[in-house]
Amino acid sequence: MTFSEFMATLLKIRLILQDRILILIMPAMFWLDGLNTVYRQNKITERSTDSRTSLKK
């Protein structure tokens, strides 16, 4: 097996894996994005409650 043949097989394997990985990663990406949005909204609400309490003092 020559070096170029080896590289060609690696590329094929990578392309096959890439498709599989994308199928696996896409839902995880959406899930993480959802978590991130929820976290950000919580931070925003915390800040607004903090400002409200500081105004009362």
PDB file of N, CA and C in Angstrom:
ATOM      1  N   MET A   1       0.845  -1.203   0.000  1.00  0.00           N
ATOM      2  CA  MET A   1       0.000   0.000   0.000  1.00  0.00           C
ATOM      3  C   MET A   1       0.881   1.253   0.000  1.00  0.00           C
ATOM      4  N   THR A   2       0.698   2.082  -0.983  1.00  0.00           N
ATOM      5  CA  THR A   2       1.495   3.301  -1.061  1.00  0.00           C
ATOM      6  C   THR A   2       0.915   4.362  -0.136  1.00  0.00           C
ATOM      7  N   PHE A   3       1.669   5.417   0.038  1.00  0.00           N
ATOM      8  CA  PHE A   3       1.250   6.510   0.925  1.00  0.00           C
ATOM      9  C   PHE A   3      -0.031   7.175   0.428  1.00  0.00           C
ATOM     10  N   SER A   4      -0.115   7.395  -0.888  1.00  0.00           N
ATOM     11  CA  SER A   4      -1.307   8.057  -1.450  1.00  0.00           C
ATOM     12  C   SER A   4      -2.553   7.196  -1.266  1.00  0.00           C
ATOM     13  N   GLU A   5      -2.401   5.872  -1.432  1.00  0.00           N
ATOM     14  CA  GLU A   5      -3.526   4.962  -1.212  1.00  0.00           C
ATOM     15  C   GLU A   5      -3.973   5.033   0.249  1.00  0.00           C
ATOM     16  N   PHE A   6      -2.993   5.066   1.123  1.00  0.00           N
ATOM     17  CA  PHE A   6      -3.272   5.148   2.560  1.00  0.00           C
ATOM     18  C   PHE A   6      -4.048   6.428   2.889  1.00  0.00           C
ATOM     19  N   MET A   7      -3.598   7.541   2.301  1.00  0.00           N
ATOM     20  CA  MET A   7      -4.270   8.818   2.532  1.00  0.00           C
ATOM     21  C   MET A   7      -5.700   8.786   1.983  1.00  0.00           C
ATOM     22  N   ALA A   8      -5.863   8.142   0.820  1.00  0.00           N
ATOM     23  CA  ALA A   8      -7.196   8.047   0.201  1.00  0.00           C
ATOM     24  C   ALA A   8      -8.147   7.259   1.100  1.00  0.00           C
ATOM     25  N   THR A   9      -7.667   6.152   1.661  1.00  0.00           N
ATOM     26  CA  THR A   9      -8.518   5.359   2.552  1.00  0.00           C
ATOM     27  C   THR A   9      -8.833   6.149   3.819  1.00  0.00           C
ATOM     28  N   LEU A  10      -7.859   6.860   4.341  1.00  0.00           N
ATOM     29  CA  LEU A  10      -8.094   7.684   5.536  1.00  0.00           C
ATOM     30  C   LEU A  10      -9.186   8.714   5.256  1.00  0.00           C
ATOM     31  N   LEU A  11      -9.104   9.325   4.071  1.00  0.00           N
ATOM     32  CA  LEU A  11     -10.090  10.337   3.690  1.00  0.00           C
ATOM     33  C   LEU A  11     -11.486   9.725   3.609  1.00  0.00           C
ATOM     34  N   LYS A  12     -11.576   8.532   2.995  1.00  0.00           N
ATOM     35  CA  LYS A  12     -12.869   7.837   2.886  1.00  0.00           C
ATOM     36  C   LYS A  12     -13.427   7.565   4.287  1.00  0.00           C
ATOM     37  N   ILE A  13     -12.579   7.020   5.151  1.00  0.00           N
ATOM     38  CA  ILE A  13     -13.000   6.707   6.523  1.00  0.00           C
ATOM     39  C   ILE A  13     -13.469   7.979   7.221  1.00  0.00           C
ATOM     40  N   ARG A  14     -12.716   9.040   7.013  1.00  0.00           N
ATOM     41  CA  ARG A  14     -13.059  10.314   7.663  1.00  0.00           C
ATOM     42  C   ARG A  14     -14.416  10.823   7.179  1.00  0.00           C
ATOM     43  N   LEU A  15     -14.662  10.711   5.890  1.00  0.00           N
ATOM     44  CA  LEU A  15     -15.944  11.171   5.345  1.00  0.00           C
ATOM     45  C   LEU A  15     -17.096  10.357   5.906  1.00  0.00           C
ATOM     46  N   ILE A  16     -16.909   9.037   5.994  1.00  0.00           N
ATOM     47  CA  ILE A  16     -17.960   8.170   6.547  1.00  0.00           C
ATOM     48  C   ILE A  16     -18.201   8.538   8.007  1.00  0.00           C
ATOM     49  N   LEU A  17     -17.116   8.671   8.769  1.00  0.00           N
ATOM     50  CA  LEU A  17     -17.234   9.014  10.188  1.00  0.00           C
ATOM     51  C   LEU A  17     -17.864  10.384  10.365  1.00  0.00           C
ATOM     52  N   GLN A  18     -17.488  11.322   9.476  1.00  0.00           N
ATOM     53  CA  GLN A  18     -18.007  12.681   9.570  1.00  0.00           C
ATOM     54  C   GLN A  18     -19.534  12.676   9.501  1.00  0.00           C
ATOM     55  N   ASP A  19     -20.080  11.891   8.559  1.00  0.00           N
ATOM     56  CA  ASP A  19     -21.537  11.799   8.436  1.00  0.00           C
ATOM     57  C   ASP A  19     -22.148  11.235   9.710  1.00  0.00           C
ATOM     58  N   ARG A  20     -21.552  10.158  10.228  1.00  0.00           N
ATOM     59  CA  ARG A  20     -22.063   9.539  11.456  1.00  0.00           C
ATOM     60  C   ARG A  20     -21.980  10.527  12.608  1.00  0.00           C
ATOM     61  N   ILE A  21     -20.836  11.191  12.723  1.00  0.00           N
ATOM     62  CA  ILE A  21     -20.619  12.133  13.820  1.00  0.00           C
ATOM     63  C   ILE A  21     -21.607  13.288  13.743  1.00  0.00           C
ATOM     64  N   LEU A  22     -21.848  13.792  12.523  1.00  0.00           N
ATOM     65  CA  LEU A  22     -22.812  14.880  12.353  1.00  0.00           C
ATOM     66  C   LEU A  22     -24.191  14.457  12.828  1.00  0.00           C
ATOM     67  N   ILE A  23     -24.581  13.224  12.472  1.00  0.00           N
ATOM     68  CA  ILE A  23     -25.894  12.714  12.889  1.00  0.00           C
ATOM     69  C   ILE A  23     -25.951  12.656  14.416  1.00  0.00           C
ATOM     70  N   LEU A  24     -24.850  12.292  15.029  1.00  0.00           N
ATOM     71  CA  LEU A  24     -24.815  12.212  16.496  1.00  0.00           C
ATOM     72  C   LEU A  24     -24.710  13.581  17.138  1.00  0.00           C
ATOM     73  N   ILE A  25     -23.926  14.474  16.519  1.00  0.00           N
ATOM     74  CA  ILE A  25     -23.636  15.775  17.131  1.00  0.00           C
ATOM     75  C   ILE A  25     -24.798  16.751  16.993  1.00  0.00           C
ATOM     76  N   MET A  26     -25.491  16.744  15.859  1.00  0.00           N
ATOM     77  CA  MET A  26     -26.548  17.741  15.641  1.00  0.00           C
ATOM     78  C   MET A  26     -27.559  17.823  16.781  1.00  0.00           C
ATOM     79  N   PRO A  27     -28.157  16.708  17.241  1.00  0.00           N
ATOM     80  CA  PRO A  27     -29.089  16.825  18.365  1.00  0.00           C
ATOM     81  C   PRO A  27     -28.418  17.378  19.621  1.00  0.00           C
ATOM     82  N   ALA A  28     -27.182  16.963  19.844  1.00  0.00           N
ATOM     83  CA  ALA A  28     -26.451  17.452  21.019  1.00  0.00           C
ATOM     84  C   ALA A  28     -26.232  18.960  20.924  1.00  0.00           C
ATOM     85  N   MET A  29     -25.949  19.449  19.710  1.00  0.00           N
ATOM     86  CA  MET A  29     -25.742  20.878  19.515  1.00  0.00           C
ATOM     87  C   MET A  29     -27.020  21.655  19.831  1.00  0.00           C
ATOM     88  N   PHE A  30     -28.154  21.148  19.319  1.00  0.00           N
ATOM     89  CA  PHE A  30     -29.438  21.808  19.589  1.00  0.00           C
ATOM     90  C   PHE A  30     -29.720  21.814  21.080  1.00  0.00           C
ATOM     91  N   TRP A  31     -29.429  20.675  21.730  1.00  0.00           N
ATOM     92  CA  TRP A  31     -29.677  20.533  23.163  1.00  0.00           C
ATOM     93  C   TRP A  31     -28.837  21.523  23.954  1.00  0.00           C
ATOM     94  N   LEU A  32     -27.541  21.601  23.607  1.00  0.00           N
ATOM     95  CA  LEU A  32     -26.641  22.535  24.286  1.00  0.00           C
ATOM     96  C   LEU A  32     -27.082  23.972  24.051  1.00  0.00           C
ATOM     97  N   ASP A  33     -27.529  24.271  22.834  1.00  0.00           N
ATOM     98  CA  ASP A  33     -27.989  25.609  22.501  1.00  0.00           C
ATOM     99  C   ASP A  33     -29.196  25.968  23.361  1.00  0.00           C
ATOM    100  N   GLY A  34     -30.109  25.008  23.514  1.00  0.00           N
ATOM    101  CA  GLY A  34     -31.283  25.227  24.360  1.00  0.00           C
ATOM    102  C   GLY A  34     -30.881  25.488  25.799  1.00  0.00           C
ATOM    103  N   LEU A  35     -29.938  24.700  26.305  1.00  0.00           N
ATOM    104  CA  LEU A  35     -29.455  24.880  27.676  1.00  0.00           C
ATOM    105  C   LEU A  35     -28.841  26.259  27.845  1.00  0.00           C
ATOM    106  N   ASN A  36     -28.050  26.667  26.862  1.00  0.00           N
ATOM    107  CA  ASN A  36     -27.389  27.963  26.884  1.00  0.00           C
ATOM    108  C   ASN A  36     -28.407  29.093  26.954  1.00  0.00           C
ATOM    109  N   THR A  37     -29.469  28.981  26.148  1.00  0.00           N
ATOM    110  CA  THR A  37     -30.506  30.020  26.129  1.00  0.00           C
ATOM    111  C   THR A  37     -31.182  30.104  27.491  1.00  0.00           C
ATOM    112  N   VAL A  38     -31.530  28.949  28.048  1.00  0.00           N
ATOM    113  CA  VAL A  38     -32.176  28.913  29.360  1.00  0.00           C
ATOM    114  C   VAL A  38     -31.264  29.561  30.405  1.00  0.00           C
ATOM    115  N   TYR A  39     -29.973  29.197  30.358  1.00  0.00           N
ATOM    116  CA  TYR A  39     -29.003  29.740  31.312  1.00  0.00           C
ATOM    117  C   TYR A  39     -28.920  31.256  31.184  1.00  0.00           C
ATOM    118  N   ARG A  40     -28.884  31.750  29.947  1.00  0.00           N
ATOM    119  CA  ARG A  40     -28.782  33.188  29.712  1.00  0.00           C
ATOM    120  C   ARG A  40     -30.026  33.908  30.243  1.00  0.00           C
ATOM    121  N   GLN A  41     -31.203  33.331  29.995  1.00  0.00           N
ATOM    122  CA  GLN A  41     -32.439  33.934  30.477  1.00  0.00           C
ATOM    123  C   GLN A  41     -32.447  33.996  32.001  1.00  0.00           C
ATOM    124  N   ASN A  42     -31.950  32.934  32.647  1.00  0.00           N
ATOM    125  CA  ASN A  42     -31.873  32.928  34.108  1.00  0.00           C
ATOM    126  C   ASN A  42     -30.958  34.039  34.602  1.00  0.00           C
ATOM    127  N   LYS A  43     -29.821  34.217  33.932  1.00  0.00           N
ATOM    128  CA  LYS A  43     -28.875  35.275  34.309  1.00  0.00           C
ATOM    129  C   LYS A  43     -29.550  36.645  34.190  1.00  0.00           C
ATOM    130  N   ILE A  44     -30.297  36.849  33.108  1.00  0.00           N
ATOM    131  CA  ILE A  44     -30.964  38.134  32.873  1.00  0.00           C
ATOM    132  C   ILE A  44     -31.991  38.390  33.975  1.00  0.00           C
ATOM    133  N   THR A  45     -32.779  37.361  34.325  1.00  0.00           N
ATOM    134  CA  THR A  45     -33.795  37.540  35.367  1.00  0.00           C
ATOM    135  C   THR A  45     -33.126  37.808  36.710  1.00  0.00           C
ATOM    136  N   GLU A  46     -32.004  37.136  36.972  1.00  0.00           N
ATOM    137  CA  GLU A  46     -31.266  37.378  38.223  1.00  0.00           C
ATOM    138  C   GLU A  46     -30.835  38.838  38.301  1.00  0.00           C
ATOM    139  N   ARG A  47     -30.313  39.339  37.182  1.00  0.00           N
ATOM    140  CA  ARG A  47     -29.837  40.722  37.156  1.00  0.00           C
ATOM    141  C   ARG A  47     -30.982  41.696  37.421  1.00  0.00           C
ATOM    142  N   SER A  48     -32.137  41.443  36.796  1.00  0.00           N
ATOM    143  CA  SER A  48     -33.267  42.358  36.972  1.00  0.00           C
ATOM    144  C   SER A  48     -33.769  42.308  38.416  1.00  0.00           C
ATOM    145  N   THR A  49     -33.755  41.127  39.037  1.00  0.00           N
ATOM    146  CA  THR A  49     -34.187  41.053  40.432  1.00  0.00           C
ATOM    147  C   THR A  49     -33.175  41.758  41.327  1.00  0.00           C
ATOM    148  N   ASP A  50     -31.883  41.620  41.007  1.00  0.00           N
ATOM    149  CA  ASP A  50     -30.847  42.314  41.772  1.00  0.00           C
ATOM    150  C   ASP A  50     -31.059  43.823  41.720  1.00  0.00           C
ATOM    151  N   SER A  51     -31.340  44.346  40.530  1.00  0.00           N
ATOM    152  CA  SER A  51     -31.521  45.797  40.389  1.00  0.00           C
ATOM    153  C   SER A  51     -32.765  46.243  41.156  1.00  0.00           C
ATOM    154  N   ARG A  52     -33.804  45.399  41.172  1.00  0.00           N
ATOM    155  CA  ARG A  52     -35.020  45.750  41.893  1.00  0.00           C
ATOM    156  C   ARG A  52     -34.756  45.819  43.398  1.00  0.00           C
ATOM    157  N   THR A  53     -33.995  44.852  43.922  1.00  0.00           N
ATOM    158  CA  THR A  53     -33.719  44.842  45.360  1.00  0.00           C
ATOM    159  C   THR A  53     -32.809  46.015  45.735  1.00  0.00           C
ATOM    160  N   SER A  54     -31.866  46.347  44.857  1.00  0.00           N
ATOM    161  CA  SER A  54     -30.967  47.459  45.162  1.00  0.00           C
ATOM    162  C   SER A  54     -31.729  48.792  45.142  1.00  0.00           C
ATOM    163  N   LEU A  55     -32.775  48.866  44.313  1.00  0.00           N
ATOM    164  CA  LEU A  55     -33.587  50.085  44.274  1.00  0.00           C
ATOM    165  C   LEU A  55     -34.381  50.245  45.570  1.00  0.00           C
ATOM    166  N   LYS A  56     -34.854  49.121  46.124  1.00  0.00           N
ATOM    167  CA  LYS A  56     -35.630  49.174  47.369  1.00  0.00           C
ATOM    168  C   LYS A  56     -34.790  49.684  48.523  1.00  0.00           C
ATOM    169  N   LYS A  57     -33.502  49.301  48.549  1.00  0.00           N
ATOM    170  CA  LYS A  57     -32.607  49.738  49.634  1.00  0.00           C
ATOM    171  C   LYS A  57     -32.340  51.213  49.481  1.00  0.00           C
TER     172      LYS A  57
END
